[in-house]
PDB file of N, CA and C in Angstrom:
ATOM      1  N   GLN A   1     103.910  88.499  88.384  1.00  0.00           N
ATOM      2  CA  GLN A   1     104.039  89.896  88.733  1.00  0.00           C
ATOM      3  C   GLN A   1     102.726  90.626  88.436  1.00  0.00           C
ATOM      4  N   VAL A   2     102.289  91.405  89.386  1.00  0.00           N
ATOM      5  CA  VAL A   2     101.052  92.160  89.209  1.00  0.00           C
ATOM      6  C   VAL A   2     101.336  93.385  88.343  1.00  0.00           C
ATOM      7  N   GLN A   3     100.480  93.617  87.373  1.00  0.00           N
ATOM      8  CA  GLN A   3     100.615  94.790  86.508  1.00  0.00           C
ATOM      9  C   GLN A   3      99.399  95.683  86.638  1.00  0.00           C
ATOM     10  N   LEU A   4      99.644  96.992  86.657  1.00  0.00           N
ATOM     11  CA  LEU A   4      98.588  97.976  86.743  1.00  0.00           C
ATOM     12  C   LEU A   4      98.707  98.884  85.526  1.00  0.00           C
ATOM     13  N   VAL A   5      97.598  99.093  84.837  1.00  0.00           N
ATOM     14  CA  VAL A   5      97.605  99.918  83.639  1.00  0.00           C
ATOM     15  C   VAL A   5      96.515 100.970  83.754  1.00  0.00           C
ATOM     16  N   GLU A   6      96.934 102.241  83.820  1.00  0.00           N
ATOM     17  CA  GLU A   6      95.988 103.346  83.909  1.00  0.00           C
ATOM     18  C   GLU A   6      95.577 103.804  82.515  1.00  0.00           C
ATOM     19  N   SER A   7      94.392 104.355  82.441  1.00  0.00           N
ATOM     20  CA  SER A   7      93.901 104.964  81.206  1.00  0.00           C
ATOM     21  C   SER A   7      92.877 106.028  81.553  1.00  0.00           C
ATOM     22  N   GLY A   8      92.543 106.842  80.558  1.00  0.00           N
ATOM     23  CA  GLY A   8      91.496 107.834  80.749  1.00  0.00           C
ATOM     24  C   GLY A   8      91.968 109.256  80.953  1.00  0.00           C
ATOM     25  N   GLY A   9      93.277 109.445  81.012  1.00  0.00           N
ATOM     26  CA  GLY A   9      93.784 110.804  81.160  1.00  0.00           C
ATOM     27  C   GLY A   9      93.594 111.604  79.884  1.00  0.00           C
ATOM     28  N   GLY A  10      93.854 112.907  79.973  1.00  0.00           N
ATOM     29  CA  GLY A  10      93.723 113.754  78.802  1.00  0.00           C
ATOM     30  C   GLY A  10      93.694 115.215  79.180  1.00  0.00           C
ATOM     31  N   LEU A  11      93.291 116.016  78.216  1.00  0.00           N
ATOM     32  CA  LEU A  11      93.202 117.470  78.388  1.00  0.00           C
ATOM     33  C   LEU A  11      91.734 117.848  78.549  1.00  0.00           C
ATOM     34  N   VAL A  12      91.454 118.634  79.573  1.00  0.00           N
ATOM     35  CA  VAL A  12      90.083 119.046  79.838  1.00  0.00           C
ATOM     36  C   VAL A  12      90.098 120.484  80.337  1.00  0.00           C
ATOM     37  N   GLN A  13      89.034 121.204  80.083  1.00  0.00           N
ATOM     38  CA  GLN A  13      88.919 122.569  80.582  1.00  0.00           C
ATOM     39  C   GLN A  13      88.533 122.566  82.058  1.00  0.00           C
ATOM     40  N   ALA A  14      88.905 123.621  82.725  1.00  0.00           N
ATOM     41  CA  ALA A  14      88.513 123.776  84.123  1.00  0.00           C
ATOM     42  C   ALA A  14      87.003 123.654  84.254  1.00  0.00           C
ATOM     43  N   GLY A  15      86.586 122.932  85.284  1.00  0.00           N
ATOM     44  CA  GLY A  15      85.166 122.673  85.493  1.00  0.00           C
ATOM     45  C   GLY A  15      84.684 121.375  84.868  1.00  0.00           C
ATOM     46  N   GLY A  16      85.522 120.797  84.037  1.00  0.00           N
ATOM     47  CA  GLY A  16      85.149 119.568  83.356  1.00  0.00           C
ATOM     48  C   GLY A  16      85.386 118.331  84.200  1.00  0.00           C
ATOM     49  N   SER A  17      85.164 117.181  83.566  1.00  0.00           N
ATOM     50  CA  SER A  17      85.268 115.895  84.248  1.00  0.00           C
ATOM     51  C   SER A  17      86.097 114.911  83.434  1.00  0.00           C
ATOM     52  N   LEU A  18      86.720 113.995  84.143  1.00  0.00           N
ATOM     53  CA  LEU A  18      87.404 112.857  83.541  1.00  0.00           C
ATOM     54  C   LEU A  18      87.208 111.662  84.454  1.00  0.00           C
ATOM     55  N   ARG A  19      87.242 110.469  83.863  1.00  0.00           N
ATOM     56  CA  ARG A  19      87.240 109.257  84.663  1.00  0.00           C
ATOM     57  C   ARG A  19      88.473 108.437  84.309  1.00  0.00           C
ATOM     58  N   LEU A  20      89.291 108.216  85.306  1.00  0.00           N
ATOM     59  CA  LEU A  20      90.465 107.377  85.140  1.00  0.00           C
ATOM     60  C   LEU A  20      90.121 105.932  85.493  1.00  0.00           C
ATOM     61  N   SER A  21      90.749 105.023  84.781  1.00  0.00           N
ATOM     62  CA  SER A  21      90.601 103.598  85.062  1.00  0.00           C
ATOM     63  C   SER A  21      91.974 102.998  85.312  1.00  0.00           C
ATOM     64  N   CYS A  22      91.994 101.961  86.116  1.00  0.00           N
ATOM     65  CA  CYS A  22      93.234 101.235  86.362  1.00  0.00           C
ATOM     66  C   CYS A  22      92.904  99.748  86.350  1.00  0.00           C
ATOM     67  N   ALA A  23      93.384  99.060  85.333  1.00  0.00           N
ATOM     68  CA  ALA A  23      93.169  97.624  85.200  1.00  0.00           C
ATOM     69  C   ALA A  23      94.325  96.885  85.853  1.00  0.00           C
ATOM     70  N   VAL A  24      93.996  95.898  86.668  1.00  0.00           N
ATOM     71  CA  VAL A  24      95.008  95.171  87.445  1.00  0.00           C
ATOM     72  C   VAL A  24      95.010  93.702  87.044  1.00  0.00           C
ATOM     73  N   SER A  25      96.189  93.169  86.766  1.00  0.00           N
ATOM     74  CA  SER A  25      96.293  91.765  86.395  1.00  0.00           C
ATOM     75  C   SER A  25      96.283  90.897  87.643  1.00  0.00           C
ATOM     76  N   GLY A  26      96.016  89.602  87.435  1.00  0.00           N
ATOM     77  CA  GLY A  26      96.085  88.656  88.540  1.00  0.00           C
ATOM     78  C   GLY A  26      94.720  88.305  89.100  1.00  0.00           C
ATOM     79  N   ARG A  27      94.728  87.318  89.983  1.00  0.00           N
ATOM     80  CA  ARG A  27      93.478  86.777  90.502  1.00  0.00           C
ATOM     81  C   ARG A  27      93.191  87.196  91.940  1.00  0.00           C
ATOM     82  N   THR A  28      94.029  88.066  92.492  1.00  0.00           N
ATOM     83  CA  THR A  28      93.832  88.447  93.881  1.00  0.00           C
ATOM     84  C   THR A  28      93.509  89.923  94.042  1.00  0.00           C
ATOM     85  N   PHE A  29      93.022  90.529  92.960  1.00  0.00           N
ATOM     86  CA  PHE A  29      92.679  91.956  93.013  1.00  0.00           C
ATOM     87  C   PHE A  29      91.711  92.244  94.142  1.00  0.00           C
ATOM     88  N   ASN A  30      90.774  91.343  94.392  1.00  0.00           N
ATOM     89  CA  ASN A  30      89.747  91.619  95.396  1.00  0.00           C
ATOM     90  C   ASN A  30      90.278  91.571  96.822  1.00  0.00           C
ATOM     91  N   THR A  31      91.559  91.288  97.000  1.00  0.00           N
ATOM     92  CA  THR A  31      92.159  91.335  98.333  1.00  0.00           C
ATOM     93  C   THR A  31      92.994  92.593  98.545  1.00  0.00           C
ATOM     94  N   TYR A  32      93.176  93.375  97.485  1.00  0.00           N
ATOM     95  CA  TYR A  32      94.026  94.558  97.575  1.00  0.00           C
ATOM     96  C   TYR A  32      93.221  95.795  97.937  1.00  0.00           C
ATOM     97  N   ALA A  33      93.761  96.610  98.827  1.00  0.00           N
ATOM     98  CA  ALA A  33      93.314  97.985  98.889  1.00  0.00           C
ATOM     99  C   ALA A  33      93.979  98.715  97.715  1.00  0.00           C
ATOM    100  N   MET A  34      93.304  99.695  97.188  1.00  0.00           N
ATOM    101  CA  MET A  34      93.830 100.418  96.017  1.00  0.00           C
ATOM    102  C   MET A  34      93.872 101.913  96.289  1.00  0.00           C
ATOM    103  N   GLY A  35      94.839 102.547  95.664  1.00  0.00           N
ATOM    104  CA  GLY A  35      94.962 103.982  95.855  1.00  0.00           C
ATOM    105  C   GLY A  35      95.259 104.703  94.551  1.00  0.00           C
ATOM    106  N   TRP A  36      94.955 105.977  94.555  1.00  0.00           N
ATOM    107  CA  TRP A  36      95.353 106.886  93.475  1.00  0.00           C
ATOM    108  C   TRP A  36      96.263 107.959  94.074  1.00  0.00           C
ATOM    109  N   PHE A  37      97.310 108.253  93.324  1.00  0.00           N
ATOM    110  CA  PHE A  37      98.247 109.292  93.699  1.00  0.00           C
ATOM    111  C   PHE A  37      98.458 110.188  92.487  1.00  0.00           C
ATOM    112  N   ARG A  38      99.074 111.328  92.704  1.00  0.00           N
ATOM    113  CA  ARG A  38      99.399 112.205  91.575  1.00  0.00           C
ATOM    114  C   ARG A  38     100.701 112.942  91.853  1.00  0.00           C
ATOM    115  N   GLN A  39     101.330 113.339  90.757  1.00  0.00           N
ATOM    116  CA  GLN A  39     102.572 114.093  90.857  1.00  0.00           C
ATOM    117  C   GLN A  39     102.567 115.183  89.807  1.00  0.00           C
ATOM    118  N   ALA A  40     102.614 116.412  90.270  1.00  0.00           N
ATOM    119  CA  ALA A  40     102.677 117.564  89.386  1.00  0.00           C
ATOM    120  C   ALA A  40     104.140 117.908  89.126  1.00  0.00           C
ATOM    121  N   PRO A  41     104.417 118.606  88.030  1.00  0.00           N
ATOM    122  CA  PRO A  41     105.806 118.972  87.712  1.00  0.00           C
ATOM    123  C   PRO A  41     106.446 119.748  88.857  1.00  0.00           C
ATOM    124  N   GLY A  42     107.634 119.305  89.251  1.00  0.00           N
ATOM    125  CA  GLY A  42     108.365 119.989  90.295  1.00  0.00           C
ATOM    126  C   GLY A  42     107.865 119.737  91.699  1.00  0.00           C
ATOM    127  N   LYS A  43     106.893 118.845  91.842  1.00  0.00           N
ATOM    128  CA  LYS A  43     106.333 118.570  93.162  1.00  0.00           C
ATOM    129  C   LYS A  43     106.473 117.094  93.497  1.00  0.00           C
ATOM    130  N   GLU A  44     106.342 116.787  94.768  1.00  0.00           N
ATOM    131  CA  GLU A  44     106.398 115.397  95.193  1.00  0.00           C
ATOM    132  C   GLU A  44     105.061 114.713  94.913  1.00  0.00           C
ATOM    133  N   ARG A  45     105.148 113.411  94.813  1.00  0.00           N
ATOM    134  CA  ARG A  45     103.924 112.640  94.631  1.00  0.00           C
ATOM    135  C   ARG A  45     103.045 112.779  95.867  1.00  0.00           C
ATOM    136  N   GLU A  46     101.740 112.908  95.646  1.00  0.00           N
ATOM    137  CA  GLU A  46     100.830 113.075  96.772  1.00  0.00           C
ATOM    138  C   GLU A  46      99.657 112.107  96.673  1.00  0.00           C
ATOM    139  N   PHE A  47      99.138 111.763  97.823  1.00  0.00           N
ATOM    140  CA  PHE A  47      97.984 110.889  97.928  1.00  0.00           C
ATOM    141  C   PHE A  47      96.739 111.606  97.434  1.00  0.00           C
ATOM    142  N   VAL A  48      95.883 110.864  96.720  1.00  0.00           N
ATOM    143  CA  VAL A  48      94.623 111.414  96.243  1.00  0.00           C
ATOM    144  C   VAL A  48      93.433 110.700  96.892  1.00  0.00           C
ATOM    145  N   ALA A  49      93.420 109.362  96.777  1.00  0.00           N
ATOM    146  CA  ALA A  49      92.264 108.617  97.270  1.00  0.00           C
ATOM    147  C   ALA A  49      92.659 107.166  97.503  1.00  0.00           C
ATOM    148  N   ARG A  50      91.874 106.506  98.351  1.00  0.00           N
ATOM    149  CA  ARG A  50      92.109 105.100  98.675  1.00  0.00           C
ATOM    150  C   ARG A  50      90.773 104.410  98.851  1.00  0.00           C
ATOM    151  N   ILE A  51      90.731 103.128  98.485  1.00  0.00           N
ATOM    152  CA  ILE A  51      89.525 102.333  98.663  1.00  0.00           C
ATOM    153  C   ILE A  51      89.924 100.970  99.205  1.00  0.00           C
ATOM    154  N   THR A  52      89.148 100.464 100.146  1.00  0.00           N
ATOM    155  CA  THR A  52      89.442  99.158 100.711  1.00  0.00           C
ATOM    156  C   THR A  52      89.099  98.038  99.721  1.00  0.00           C
ATOM    157  N   SER A  53      89.487  96.829 100.069  1.00  0.00           N
ATOM    158  CA  SER A  53      89.371  95.714  99.125  1.00  0.00           C
ATOM    159  C   SER A  53      87.927  95.442  98.703  1.00  0.00           C
ATOM    160  N   THR A  54      86.997  95.618  99.618  1.00  0.00           N
ATOM    161  CA  THR A  54      85.596  95.375  99.295  1.00  0.00           C
ATOM    162  C   THR A  54      84.885  96.617  98.772  1.00  0.00           C
ATOM    163  N   GLY A  55      85.564  97.742  98.841  1.00  0.00           N
ATOM    164  CA  GLY A  55      84.939  99.000  98.439  1.00  0.00           C
ATOM    165  C   GLY A  55      84.106  99.629  99.530  1.00  0.00           C
ATOM    166  N   GLY A  56      84.167  99.059 100.724  1.00  0.00           N
ATOM    167  CA  GLY A  56      83.320  99.543 101.799  1.00  0.00           C
ATOM    168  C   GLY A  56      83.746 100.874 102.406  1.00  0.00           C
ATOM    169  N   TYR A  57      85.015 101.173 102.286  1.00  0.00           N
ATOM    170  CA  TYR A  57      85.525 102.429 102.854  1.00  0.00           C
ATOM    171  C   TYR A  57      86.374 103.144 101.818  1.00  0.00           C
ATOM    172  N   THR A  58      86.241 104.458 101.807  1.00  0.00           N
ATOM    173  CA  THR A  58      87.043 105.292 100.916  1.00  0.00           C
ATOM    174  C   THR A  58      87.627 106.458 101.706  1.00  0.00           C
ATOM    175  N   TYR A  59      88.752 106.937 101.232  1.00  0.00           N
ATOM    176  CA  TYR A  59      89.452 108.034 101.893  1.00  0.00           C
ATOM    177  C   TYR A  59      89.952 108.982 100.810  1.00  0.00           C
ATOM    178  N   TYR A  60      89.954 110.273 101.139  1.00  0.00           N
ATOM    179  CA  TYR A  60      90.333 111.278 100.150  1.00  0.00           C
ATOM    180  C   TYR A  60      91.246 112.338 100.756  1.00  0.00           C
ATOM    181  N   ALA A  61      92.105 112.868  99.901  1.00  0.00           N
ATOM    182  CA  ALA A  61      92.840 114.066 100.280  1.00  0.00           C
ATOM    183  C   ALA A  61      91.850 115.226 100.381  1.00  0.00           C
ATOM    184  N   ASP A  62      92.135 116.147 101.281  1.00  0.00           N
ATOM    185  CA  ASP A  62      91.227 117.280 101.454  1.00  0.00           C
ATOM    186  C   ASP A  62      91.062 118.077 100.158  1.00  0.00           C
ATOM    187  N   SER A  63      92.112 118.116  99.355  1.00  0.00           N
ATOM    188  CA  SER A  63      92.089 118.916  98.141  1.00  0.00           C
ATOM    189  C   SER A  63      91.118 118.394  97.089  1.00  0.00           C
ATOM    190  N   VAL A  64      90.709 117.131  97.198  1.00  0.00           N
ATOM    191  CA  VAL A  64      89.820 116.558  96.187  1.00  0.00           C
ATOM    192  C   VAL A  64      88.484 116.120  96.760  1.00  0.00           C
ATOM    193  N   LYS A  65      88.339 116.193  98.063  1.00  0.00           N
ATOM    194  CA  LYS A  65      87.123 115.727  98.702  1.00  0.00           C
ATOM    195  C   LYS A  65      85.913 116.490  98.165  1.00  0.00           C
ATOM    196  N   GLY A  66      84.876 115.738  97.819  1.00  0.00           N
ATOM    197  CA  GLY A  66      83.680 116.344  97.262  1.00  0.00           C
ATOM    198  C   GLY A  66      83.702 116.511  95.763  1.00  0.00           C
ATOM    199  N   ARG A  67      84.873 116.341  95.157  1.00  0.00           N
ATOM    200  CA  ARG A  67      84.990 116.478  93.698  1.00  0.00           C
ATOM    201  C   ARG A  67      85.365 115.155  93.036  1.00  0.00           C
ATOM    202  N   PHE A  68      86.169 114.358  93.710  1.00  0.00           N
ATOM    203  CA  PHE A  68      86.645 113.082  93.157  1.00  0.00           C
ATOM    204  C   PHE A  68      85.955 111.931  93.888  1.00  0.00           C
ATOM    205  N   THR A  69      85.747 110.844  93.153  1.00  0.00           N
ATOM    206  CA  THR A  69      85.175 109.631  93.726  1.00  0.00           C
ATOM    207  C   THR A  69      85.965 108.415  93.267  1.00  0.00           C
ATOM    208  N   ILE A  70      86.432 107.642  94.219  1.00  0.00           N
ATOM    209  CA  ILE A  70      87.129 106.395  93.907  1.00  0.00           C
ATOM    210  C   ILE A  70      86.131 105.254  94.026  1.00  0.00           C
ATOM    211  N   SER A  71      86.214 104.304  93.111  1.00  0.00           N
ATOM    212  CA  SER A  71      85.341 103.137  93.151  1.00  0.00           C
ATOM    213  C   SER A  71      86.086 101.964  92.536  1.00  0.00           C
ATOM    214  N   ARG A  72      85.500 100.792  92.651  1.00  0.00           N
ATOM    215  CA  ARG A  72      86.131  99.608  92.087  1.00  0.00           C
ATOM    216  C   ARG A  72      85.091  98.608  91.647  1.00  0.00           C
ATOM    217  N   ASP A  73      85.499  97.794  90.682  1.00  0.00           N
ATOM    218  CA  ASP A  73      84.675  96.688  90.209  1.00  0.00           C
ATOM    219  C   ASP A  73      85.548  95.447  90.313  1.00  0.00           C
ATOM    220  N   ASN A  74      85.344  94.662  91.335  1.00  0.00           N
ATOM    221  CA  ASN A  74      86.200  93.497  91.543  1.00  0.00           C
ATOM    222  C   ASN A  74      85.988  92.418  90.478  1.00  0.00           C
ATOM    223  N   ALA A  75      84.842  92.404  89.849  1.00  0.00           N
ATOM    224  CA  ALA A  75      84.605  91.443  88.768  1.00  0.00           C
ATOM    225  C   ALA A  75      85.440  91.784  87.531  1.00  0.00           C
ATOM    226  N   LYS A  76      85.804  93.060  87.407  1.00  0.00           N
ATOM    227  CA  LYS A  76      86.585  93.512  86.253  1.00  0.00           C
ATOM    228  C   LYS A  76      88.034  93.819  86.611  1.00  0.00           C
ATOM    229  N   ASN A  77      88.418  93.582  87.868  1.00  0.00           N
ATOM    230  CA  ASN A  77      89.797  93.891  88.299  1.00  0.00           C
ATOM    231  C   ASN A  77      90.170  95.334  87.973  1.00  0.00           C
ATOM    232  N   THR A  78      89.268  96.242  88.227  1.00  0.00           N
ATOM    233  CA  THR A  78      89.486  97.633  87.836  1.00  0.00           C
ATOM    234  C   THR A  78      89.088  98.579  88.964  1.00  0.00           C
ATOM    235  N   VAL A  79      89.896  99.603  89.126  1.00  0.00           N
ATOM    236  CA  VAL A  79      89.585 100.690  90.049  1.00  0.00           C
ATOM    237  C   VAL A  79      89.447 101.970  89.226  1.00  0.00           C
ATOM    238  N   TYR A  80      88.561 102.845  89.675  1.00  0.00           N
ATOM    239  CA  TYR A  80      88.248 104.059  88.935  1.00  0.00           C
ATOM    240  C   TYR A  80      88.479 105.289  89.798  1.00  0.00           C
ATOM    241  N   LEU A  81      88.694 106.399  89.123  1.00  0.00           N
ATOM    242  CA  LEU A  81      88.721 107.691  89.797  1.00  0.00           C
ATOM    243  C   LEU A  81      87.899 108.650  88.951  1.00  0.00           C
ATOM    244  N   GLN A  82      86.715 108.970  89.429  1.00  0.00           N
ATOM    245  CA  GLN A  82      85.863 109.946  88.758  1.00  0.00           C
ATOM    246  C   GLN A  82      86.246 111.325  89.273  1.00  0.00           C
ATOM    247  N   MET A  83      86.621 112.196  88.363  1.00  0.00           N
ATOM    248  CA  MET A  83      87.095 113.524  88.733  1.00  0.00           C
ATOM    249  C   MET A  83      86.158 114.559  88.132  1.00  0.00           C
ATOM    250  N   ASN A  84      85.488 115.299  88.985  1.00  0.00           N
ATOM    251  CA  ASN A  84      84.562 116.350  88.567  1.00  0.00           C
ATOM    252  C   ASN A  84      85.074 117.710  89.024  1.00  0.00           C
ATOM    253  N   SER A  85      84.511 118.743  88.443  1.00  0.00           N
ATOM    254  CA  SER A  85      84.876 120.123  88.803  1.00  0.00           C
ATOM    255  C   SER A  85      86.395 120.304  88.819  1.00  0.00           C
ATOM    256  N   LEU A  86      87.015 119.851  87.778  1.00  0.00           N
ATOM    257  CA  LEU A  86      88.482 119.879  87.721  1.00  0.00           C
ATOM    258  C   LEU A  86      89.012 121.308  87.713  1.00  0.00           C
ATOM    259  N   LYS A  87      90.167 121.452  88.331  1.00  0.00           N
ATOM    260  CA  LYS A  87      90.834 122.742  88.454  1.00  0.00           C
ATOM    261  C   LYS A  87      92.219 122.651  87.822  1.00  0.00           C
ATOM    262  N   PRO A  88      92.775 123.772  87.398  1.00  0.00           N
ATOM    263  CA  PRO A  88      94.135 123.723  86.838  1.00  0.00           C
ATOM    264  C   PRO A  88      95.142 123.092  87.801  1.00  0.00           C
ATOM    265  N   GLU A  89      94.958 123.267  89.093  1.00  0.00           N
ATOM    266  CA  GLU A  89      95.885 122.665  90.061  1.00  0.00           C
ATOM    267  C   GLU A  89      95.755 121.155  90.182  1.00  0.00           C
ATOM    268  N   ASP A  90      94.782 120.563  89.514  1.00  0.00           N
ATOM    269  CA  ASP A  90      94.682 119.106  89.455  1.00  0.00           C
ATOM    270  C   ASP A  90      95.585 118.518  88.368  1.00  0.00           C
ATOM    271  N   THR A  91      96.194 119.373  87.576  1.00  0.00           N
ATOM    272  CA  THR A  91      97.095 118.906  86.521  1.00  0.00           C
ATOM    273  C   THR A  91      98.255 118.131  87.123  1.00  0.00           C
ATOM    274  N   ALA A  92      98.437 116.906  86.645  1.00  0.00           N
ATOM    275  CA  ALA A  92      99.484 116.024  87.187  1.00  0.00           C
ATOM    276  C   ALA A  92      99.465 114.710  86.419  1.00  0.00           C
ATOM    277  N   VAL A  93     100.485 113.910  86.672  1.00  0.00           N
ATOM    278  CA  VAL A  93     100.440 112.506  86.261  1.00  0.00           C
ATOM    279  C   VAL A  93      99.778 111.736  87.402  1.00  0.00           C
ATOM    280  N   TYR A  94      98.773 110.966  87.065  1.00  0.00           N
ATOM    281  CA  TYR A  94      98.021 110.210  88.056  1.00  0.00           C
ATOM    282  C   TYR A  94      98.427 108.741  87.995  1.00  0.00           C
ATOM    283  N   TYR A  95      98.686 108.191  89.169  1.00  0.00           N
ATOM    284  CA  TYR A  95      99.125 106.806  89.293  1.00  0.00           C
ATOM    285  C   TYR A  95      98.146 106.021  90.161  1.00  0.00           C
ATOM    286  N   CYS A  96      97.891 104.788  89.775  1.00  0.00           N
ATOM    287  CA  CYS A  96      97.190 103.899  90.689  1.00  0.00           C
ATOM    288  C   CYS A  96      98.208 102.966  91.333  1.00  0.00           C
ATOM    289  N   ALA A  97      97.846 102.460  92.495  1.00  0.00           N
ATOM    290  CA  ALA A  97      98.745 101.606  93.249  1.00  0.00           C
ATOM    291  C   ALA A  97      97.940 100.582  94.038  1.00  0.00           C
ATOM    292  N   ALA A  98      98.552  99.432  94.266  1.00  0.00           N
ATOM    293  CA  ALA A  98      97.911  98.332  94.978  1.00  0.00           C
ATOM    294  C   ALA A  98      98.641  98.056  96.286  1.00  0.00           C
ATOM    295  N   ASP A  99      97.842  97.903  97.332  1.00  0.00           N
ATOM    296  CA  ASP A  99      98.356  97.563  98.663  1.00  0.00           C
ATOM    297  C   ASP A  99      97.883  96.148  98.939  1.00  0.00           C
ATOM    298  N   ARG A 100      98.750  95.188  98.830  1.00  0.00           N
ATOM    299  CA  ARG A 100      98.321  93.794  98.816  1.00  0.00           C
ATOM    300  C   ARG A 100      98.020  93.211 100.187  1.00  0.00           C
ATOM    301  N   LYS A 101      98.501  93.818 101.276  1.00  0.00           N
ATOM    302  CA  LYS A 101      98.330  93.147 102.570  1.00  0.00           C
ATOM    303  C   LYS A 101      96.957  93.275 103.179  1.00  0.00           C
ATOM    304  N   PRO A 102      96.290  94.377 103.291  1.00  0.00           N
ATOM    305  CA  PRO A 102      96.780  95.750 103.110  1.00  0.00           C
ATOM    306  C   PRO A 102      97.450  96.291 104.360  1.00  0.00           C
ATOM    307  N   SER A 103      98.412  97.139 104.155  1.00  0.00           N
ATOM    308  CA  SER A 103      99.177  97.658 105.273  1.00  0.00           C
ATOM    309  C   SER A 103      99.342  99.163 105.230  1.00  0.00           C
ATOM    310  N   GLY A 104      98.877  99.748 104.141  1.00  0.00           N
ATOM    311  CA  GLY A 104      99.121 101.172 103.965  1.00  0.00           C
ATOM    312  C   GLY A 104     100.348 101.438 103.136  1.00  0.00           C
ATOM    313  N   ALA A 105     101.141 100.389 102.877  1.00  0.00           N
ATOM    314  CA  ALA A 105     102.304 100.509 102.003  1.00  0.00           C
ATOM    315  C   ALA A 105     101.939  99.889 100.665  1.00  0.00           C
ATOM    316  N   TYR A 106     102.116 100.635  99.615  1.00  0.00           N
ATOM    317  CA  TYR A 106     101.707 100.181  98.296  1.00  0.00           C
ATOM    318  C   TYR A 106     102.823  99.393  97.631  1.00  0.00           C
ATOM    319  N   ASN A 107     102.470  98.210  97.146  1.00  0.00           N
ATOM    320  CA  ASN A 107     103.465  97.280  96.623  1.00  0.00           C
ATOM    321  C   ASN A 107     103.638  97.375  95.114  1.00  0.00           C
ATOM    322  N   TYR A 108     102.566  97.736  94.418  1.00  0.00           N
ATOM    323  CA  TYR A 108     102.603  97.747  92.963  1.00  0.00           C
ATOM    324  C   TYR A 108     102.075  99.084  92.462  1.00  0.00           C
ATOM    325  N   TRP A 109     102.690  99.560  91.372  1.00  0.00           N
ATOM    326  CA  TRP A 109     102.344 100.860  90.808  1.00  0.00           C
ATOM    327  C   TRP A 109     102.156 100.764  89.301  1.00  0.00           C
ATOM    328  N   GLY A 110     101.253 101.594  88.790  1.00  0.00           N
ATOM    329  CA  GLY A 110     101.101 101.719  87.360  1.00  0.00           C
ATOM    330  C   GLY A 110     102.102 102.713  86.788  1.00  0.00           C
ATOM    331  N   GLN A 111     102.024 102.903  85.488  1.00  0.00           N
ATOM    332  CA  GLN A 111     102.985 103.764  84.805  1.00  0.00           C
ATOM    333  C   GLN A 111     102.532 105.225  84.776  1.00  0.00           C
ATOM    334  N   GLY A 112     101.287 105.461  85.111  1.00  0.00           N
ATOM    335  CA  GLY A 112     100.761 106.816  85.181  1.00  0.00           C
ATOM    336  C   GLY A 112     100.025 107.252  83.931  1.00  0.00           C
ATOM    337  N   THR A 113      99.117 108.190  84.112  1.00  0.00           N
ATOM    338  CA  THR A 113      98.385 108.788  82.997  1.00  0.00           C
ATOM    339  C   THR A 113      98.307 110.293  83.239  1.00  0.00           C
ATOM    340  N   GLN A 114      98.546 111.060  82.189  1.00  0.00           N
ATOM    341  CA  GLN A 114      98.611 112.514  82.320  1.00  0.00           C
ATOM    342  C   GLN A 114      97.214 113.123  82.311  1.00  0.00           C
ATOM    343  N   VAL A 115      96.980 113.985  83.264  1.00  0.00           N
ATOM    344  CA  VAL A 115      95.756 114.793  83.299  1.00  0.00           C
ATOM    345  C   VAL A 115      96.164 116.258  83.249  1.00  0.00           C
ATOM    346  N   THR A 116      95.640 116.970  82.274  1.00  0.00           N
ATOM    347  CA  THR A 116      95.941 118.393  82.131  1.00  0.00           C
ATOM    348  C   THR A 116      94.634 119.174  82.124  1.00  0.00           C
ATOM    349  N   VAL A 117      94.543 120.130  83.026  1.00  0.00           N
ATOM    350  CA  VAL A 117      93.342 120.947  83.140  1.00  0.00           C
ATOM    351  C   VAL A 117      93.702 122.370  82.746  1.00  0.00           C
ATOM    352  N   SER A 118      93.072 122.846  81.695  1.00  0.00           N
ATOM    353  CA  SER A 118      93.354 124.200  81.213  1.00  0.00           C
ATOM    354  C   SER A 118      92.399 125.202  81.848  1.00  0.00           C
ATOM    355  N   SER A 119      92.905 126.414  82.012  1.00  0.00           N
ATOM    356  CA  SER A 119      92.081 127.455  82.658  1.00  0.00           C
ATOM    357  C   SER A 119      91.304 128.255  81.636  1.00  0.00           C
TER     358      SER A 119
END
């Protein structure tokens, strides 16, 4: 079973930065597309960013474009989300997910890490 473990969340002031990490178990990480999602209290989970298996292509939600950067290190089985210029509306639990085919449907999910941005 593939396991995903997020880390790097915390409390930060508006305008600050955080880098989230997601460590993925198994030997086929380099075949997965990876994504980051978030869920704020009382809201549905929403897409944040996606990266292809080789890291050659990235995609972002309009709300984070220009502020967040998704990247990956296939040698370390890890995907990252660098978050700059954070806003209070970025407050949410952030989840990483793996798309193993890839098909756009995510098969494996982490447990989430809390990001809180104070104003």
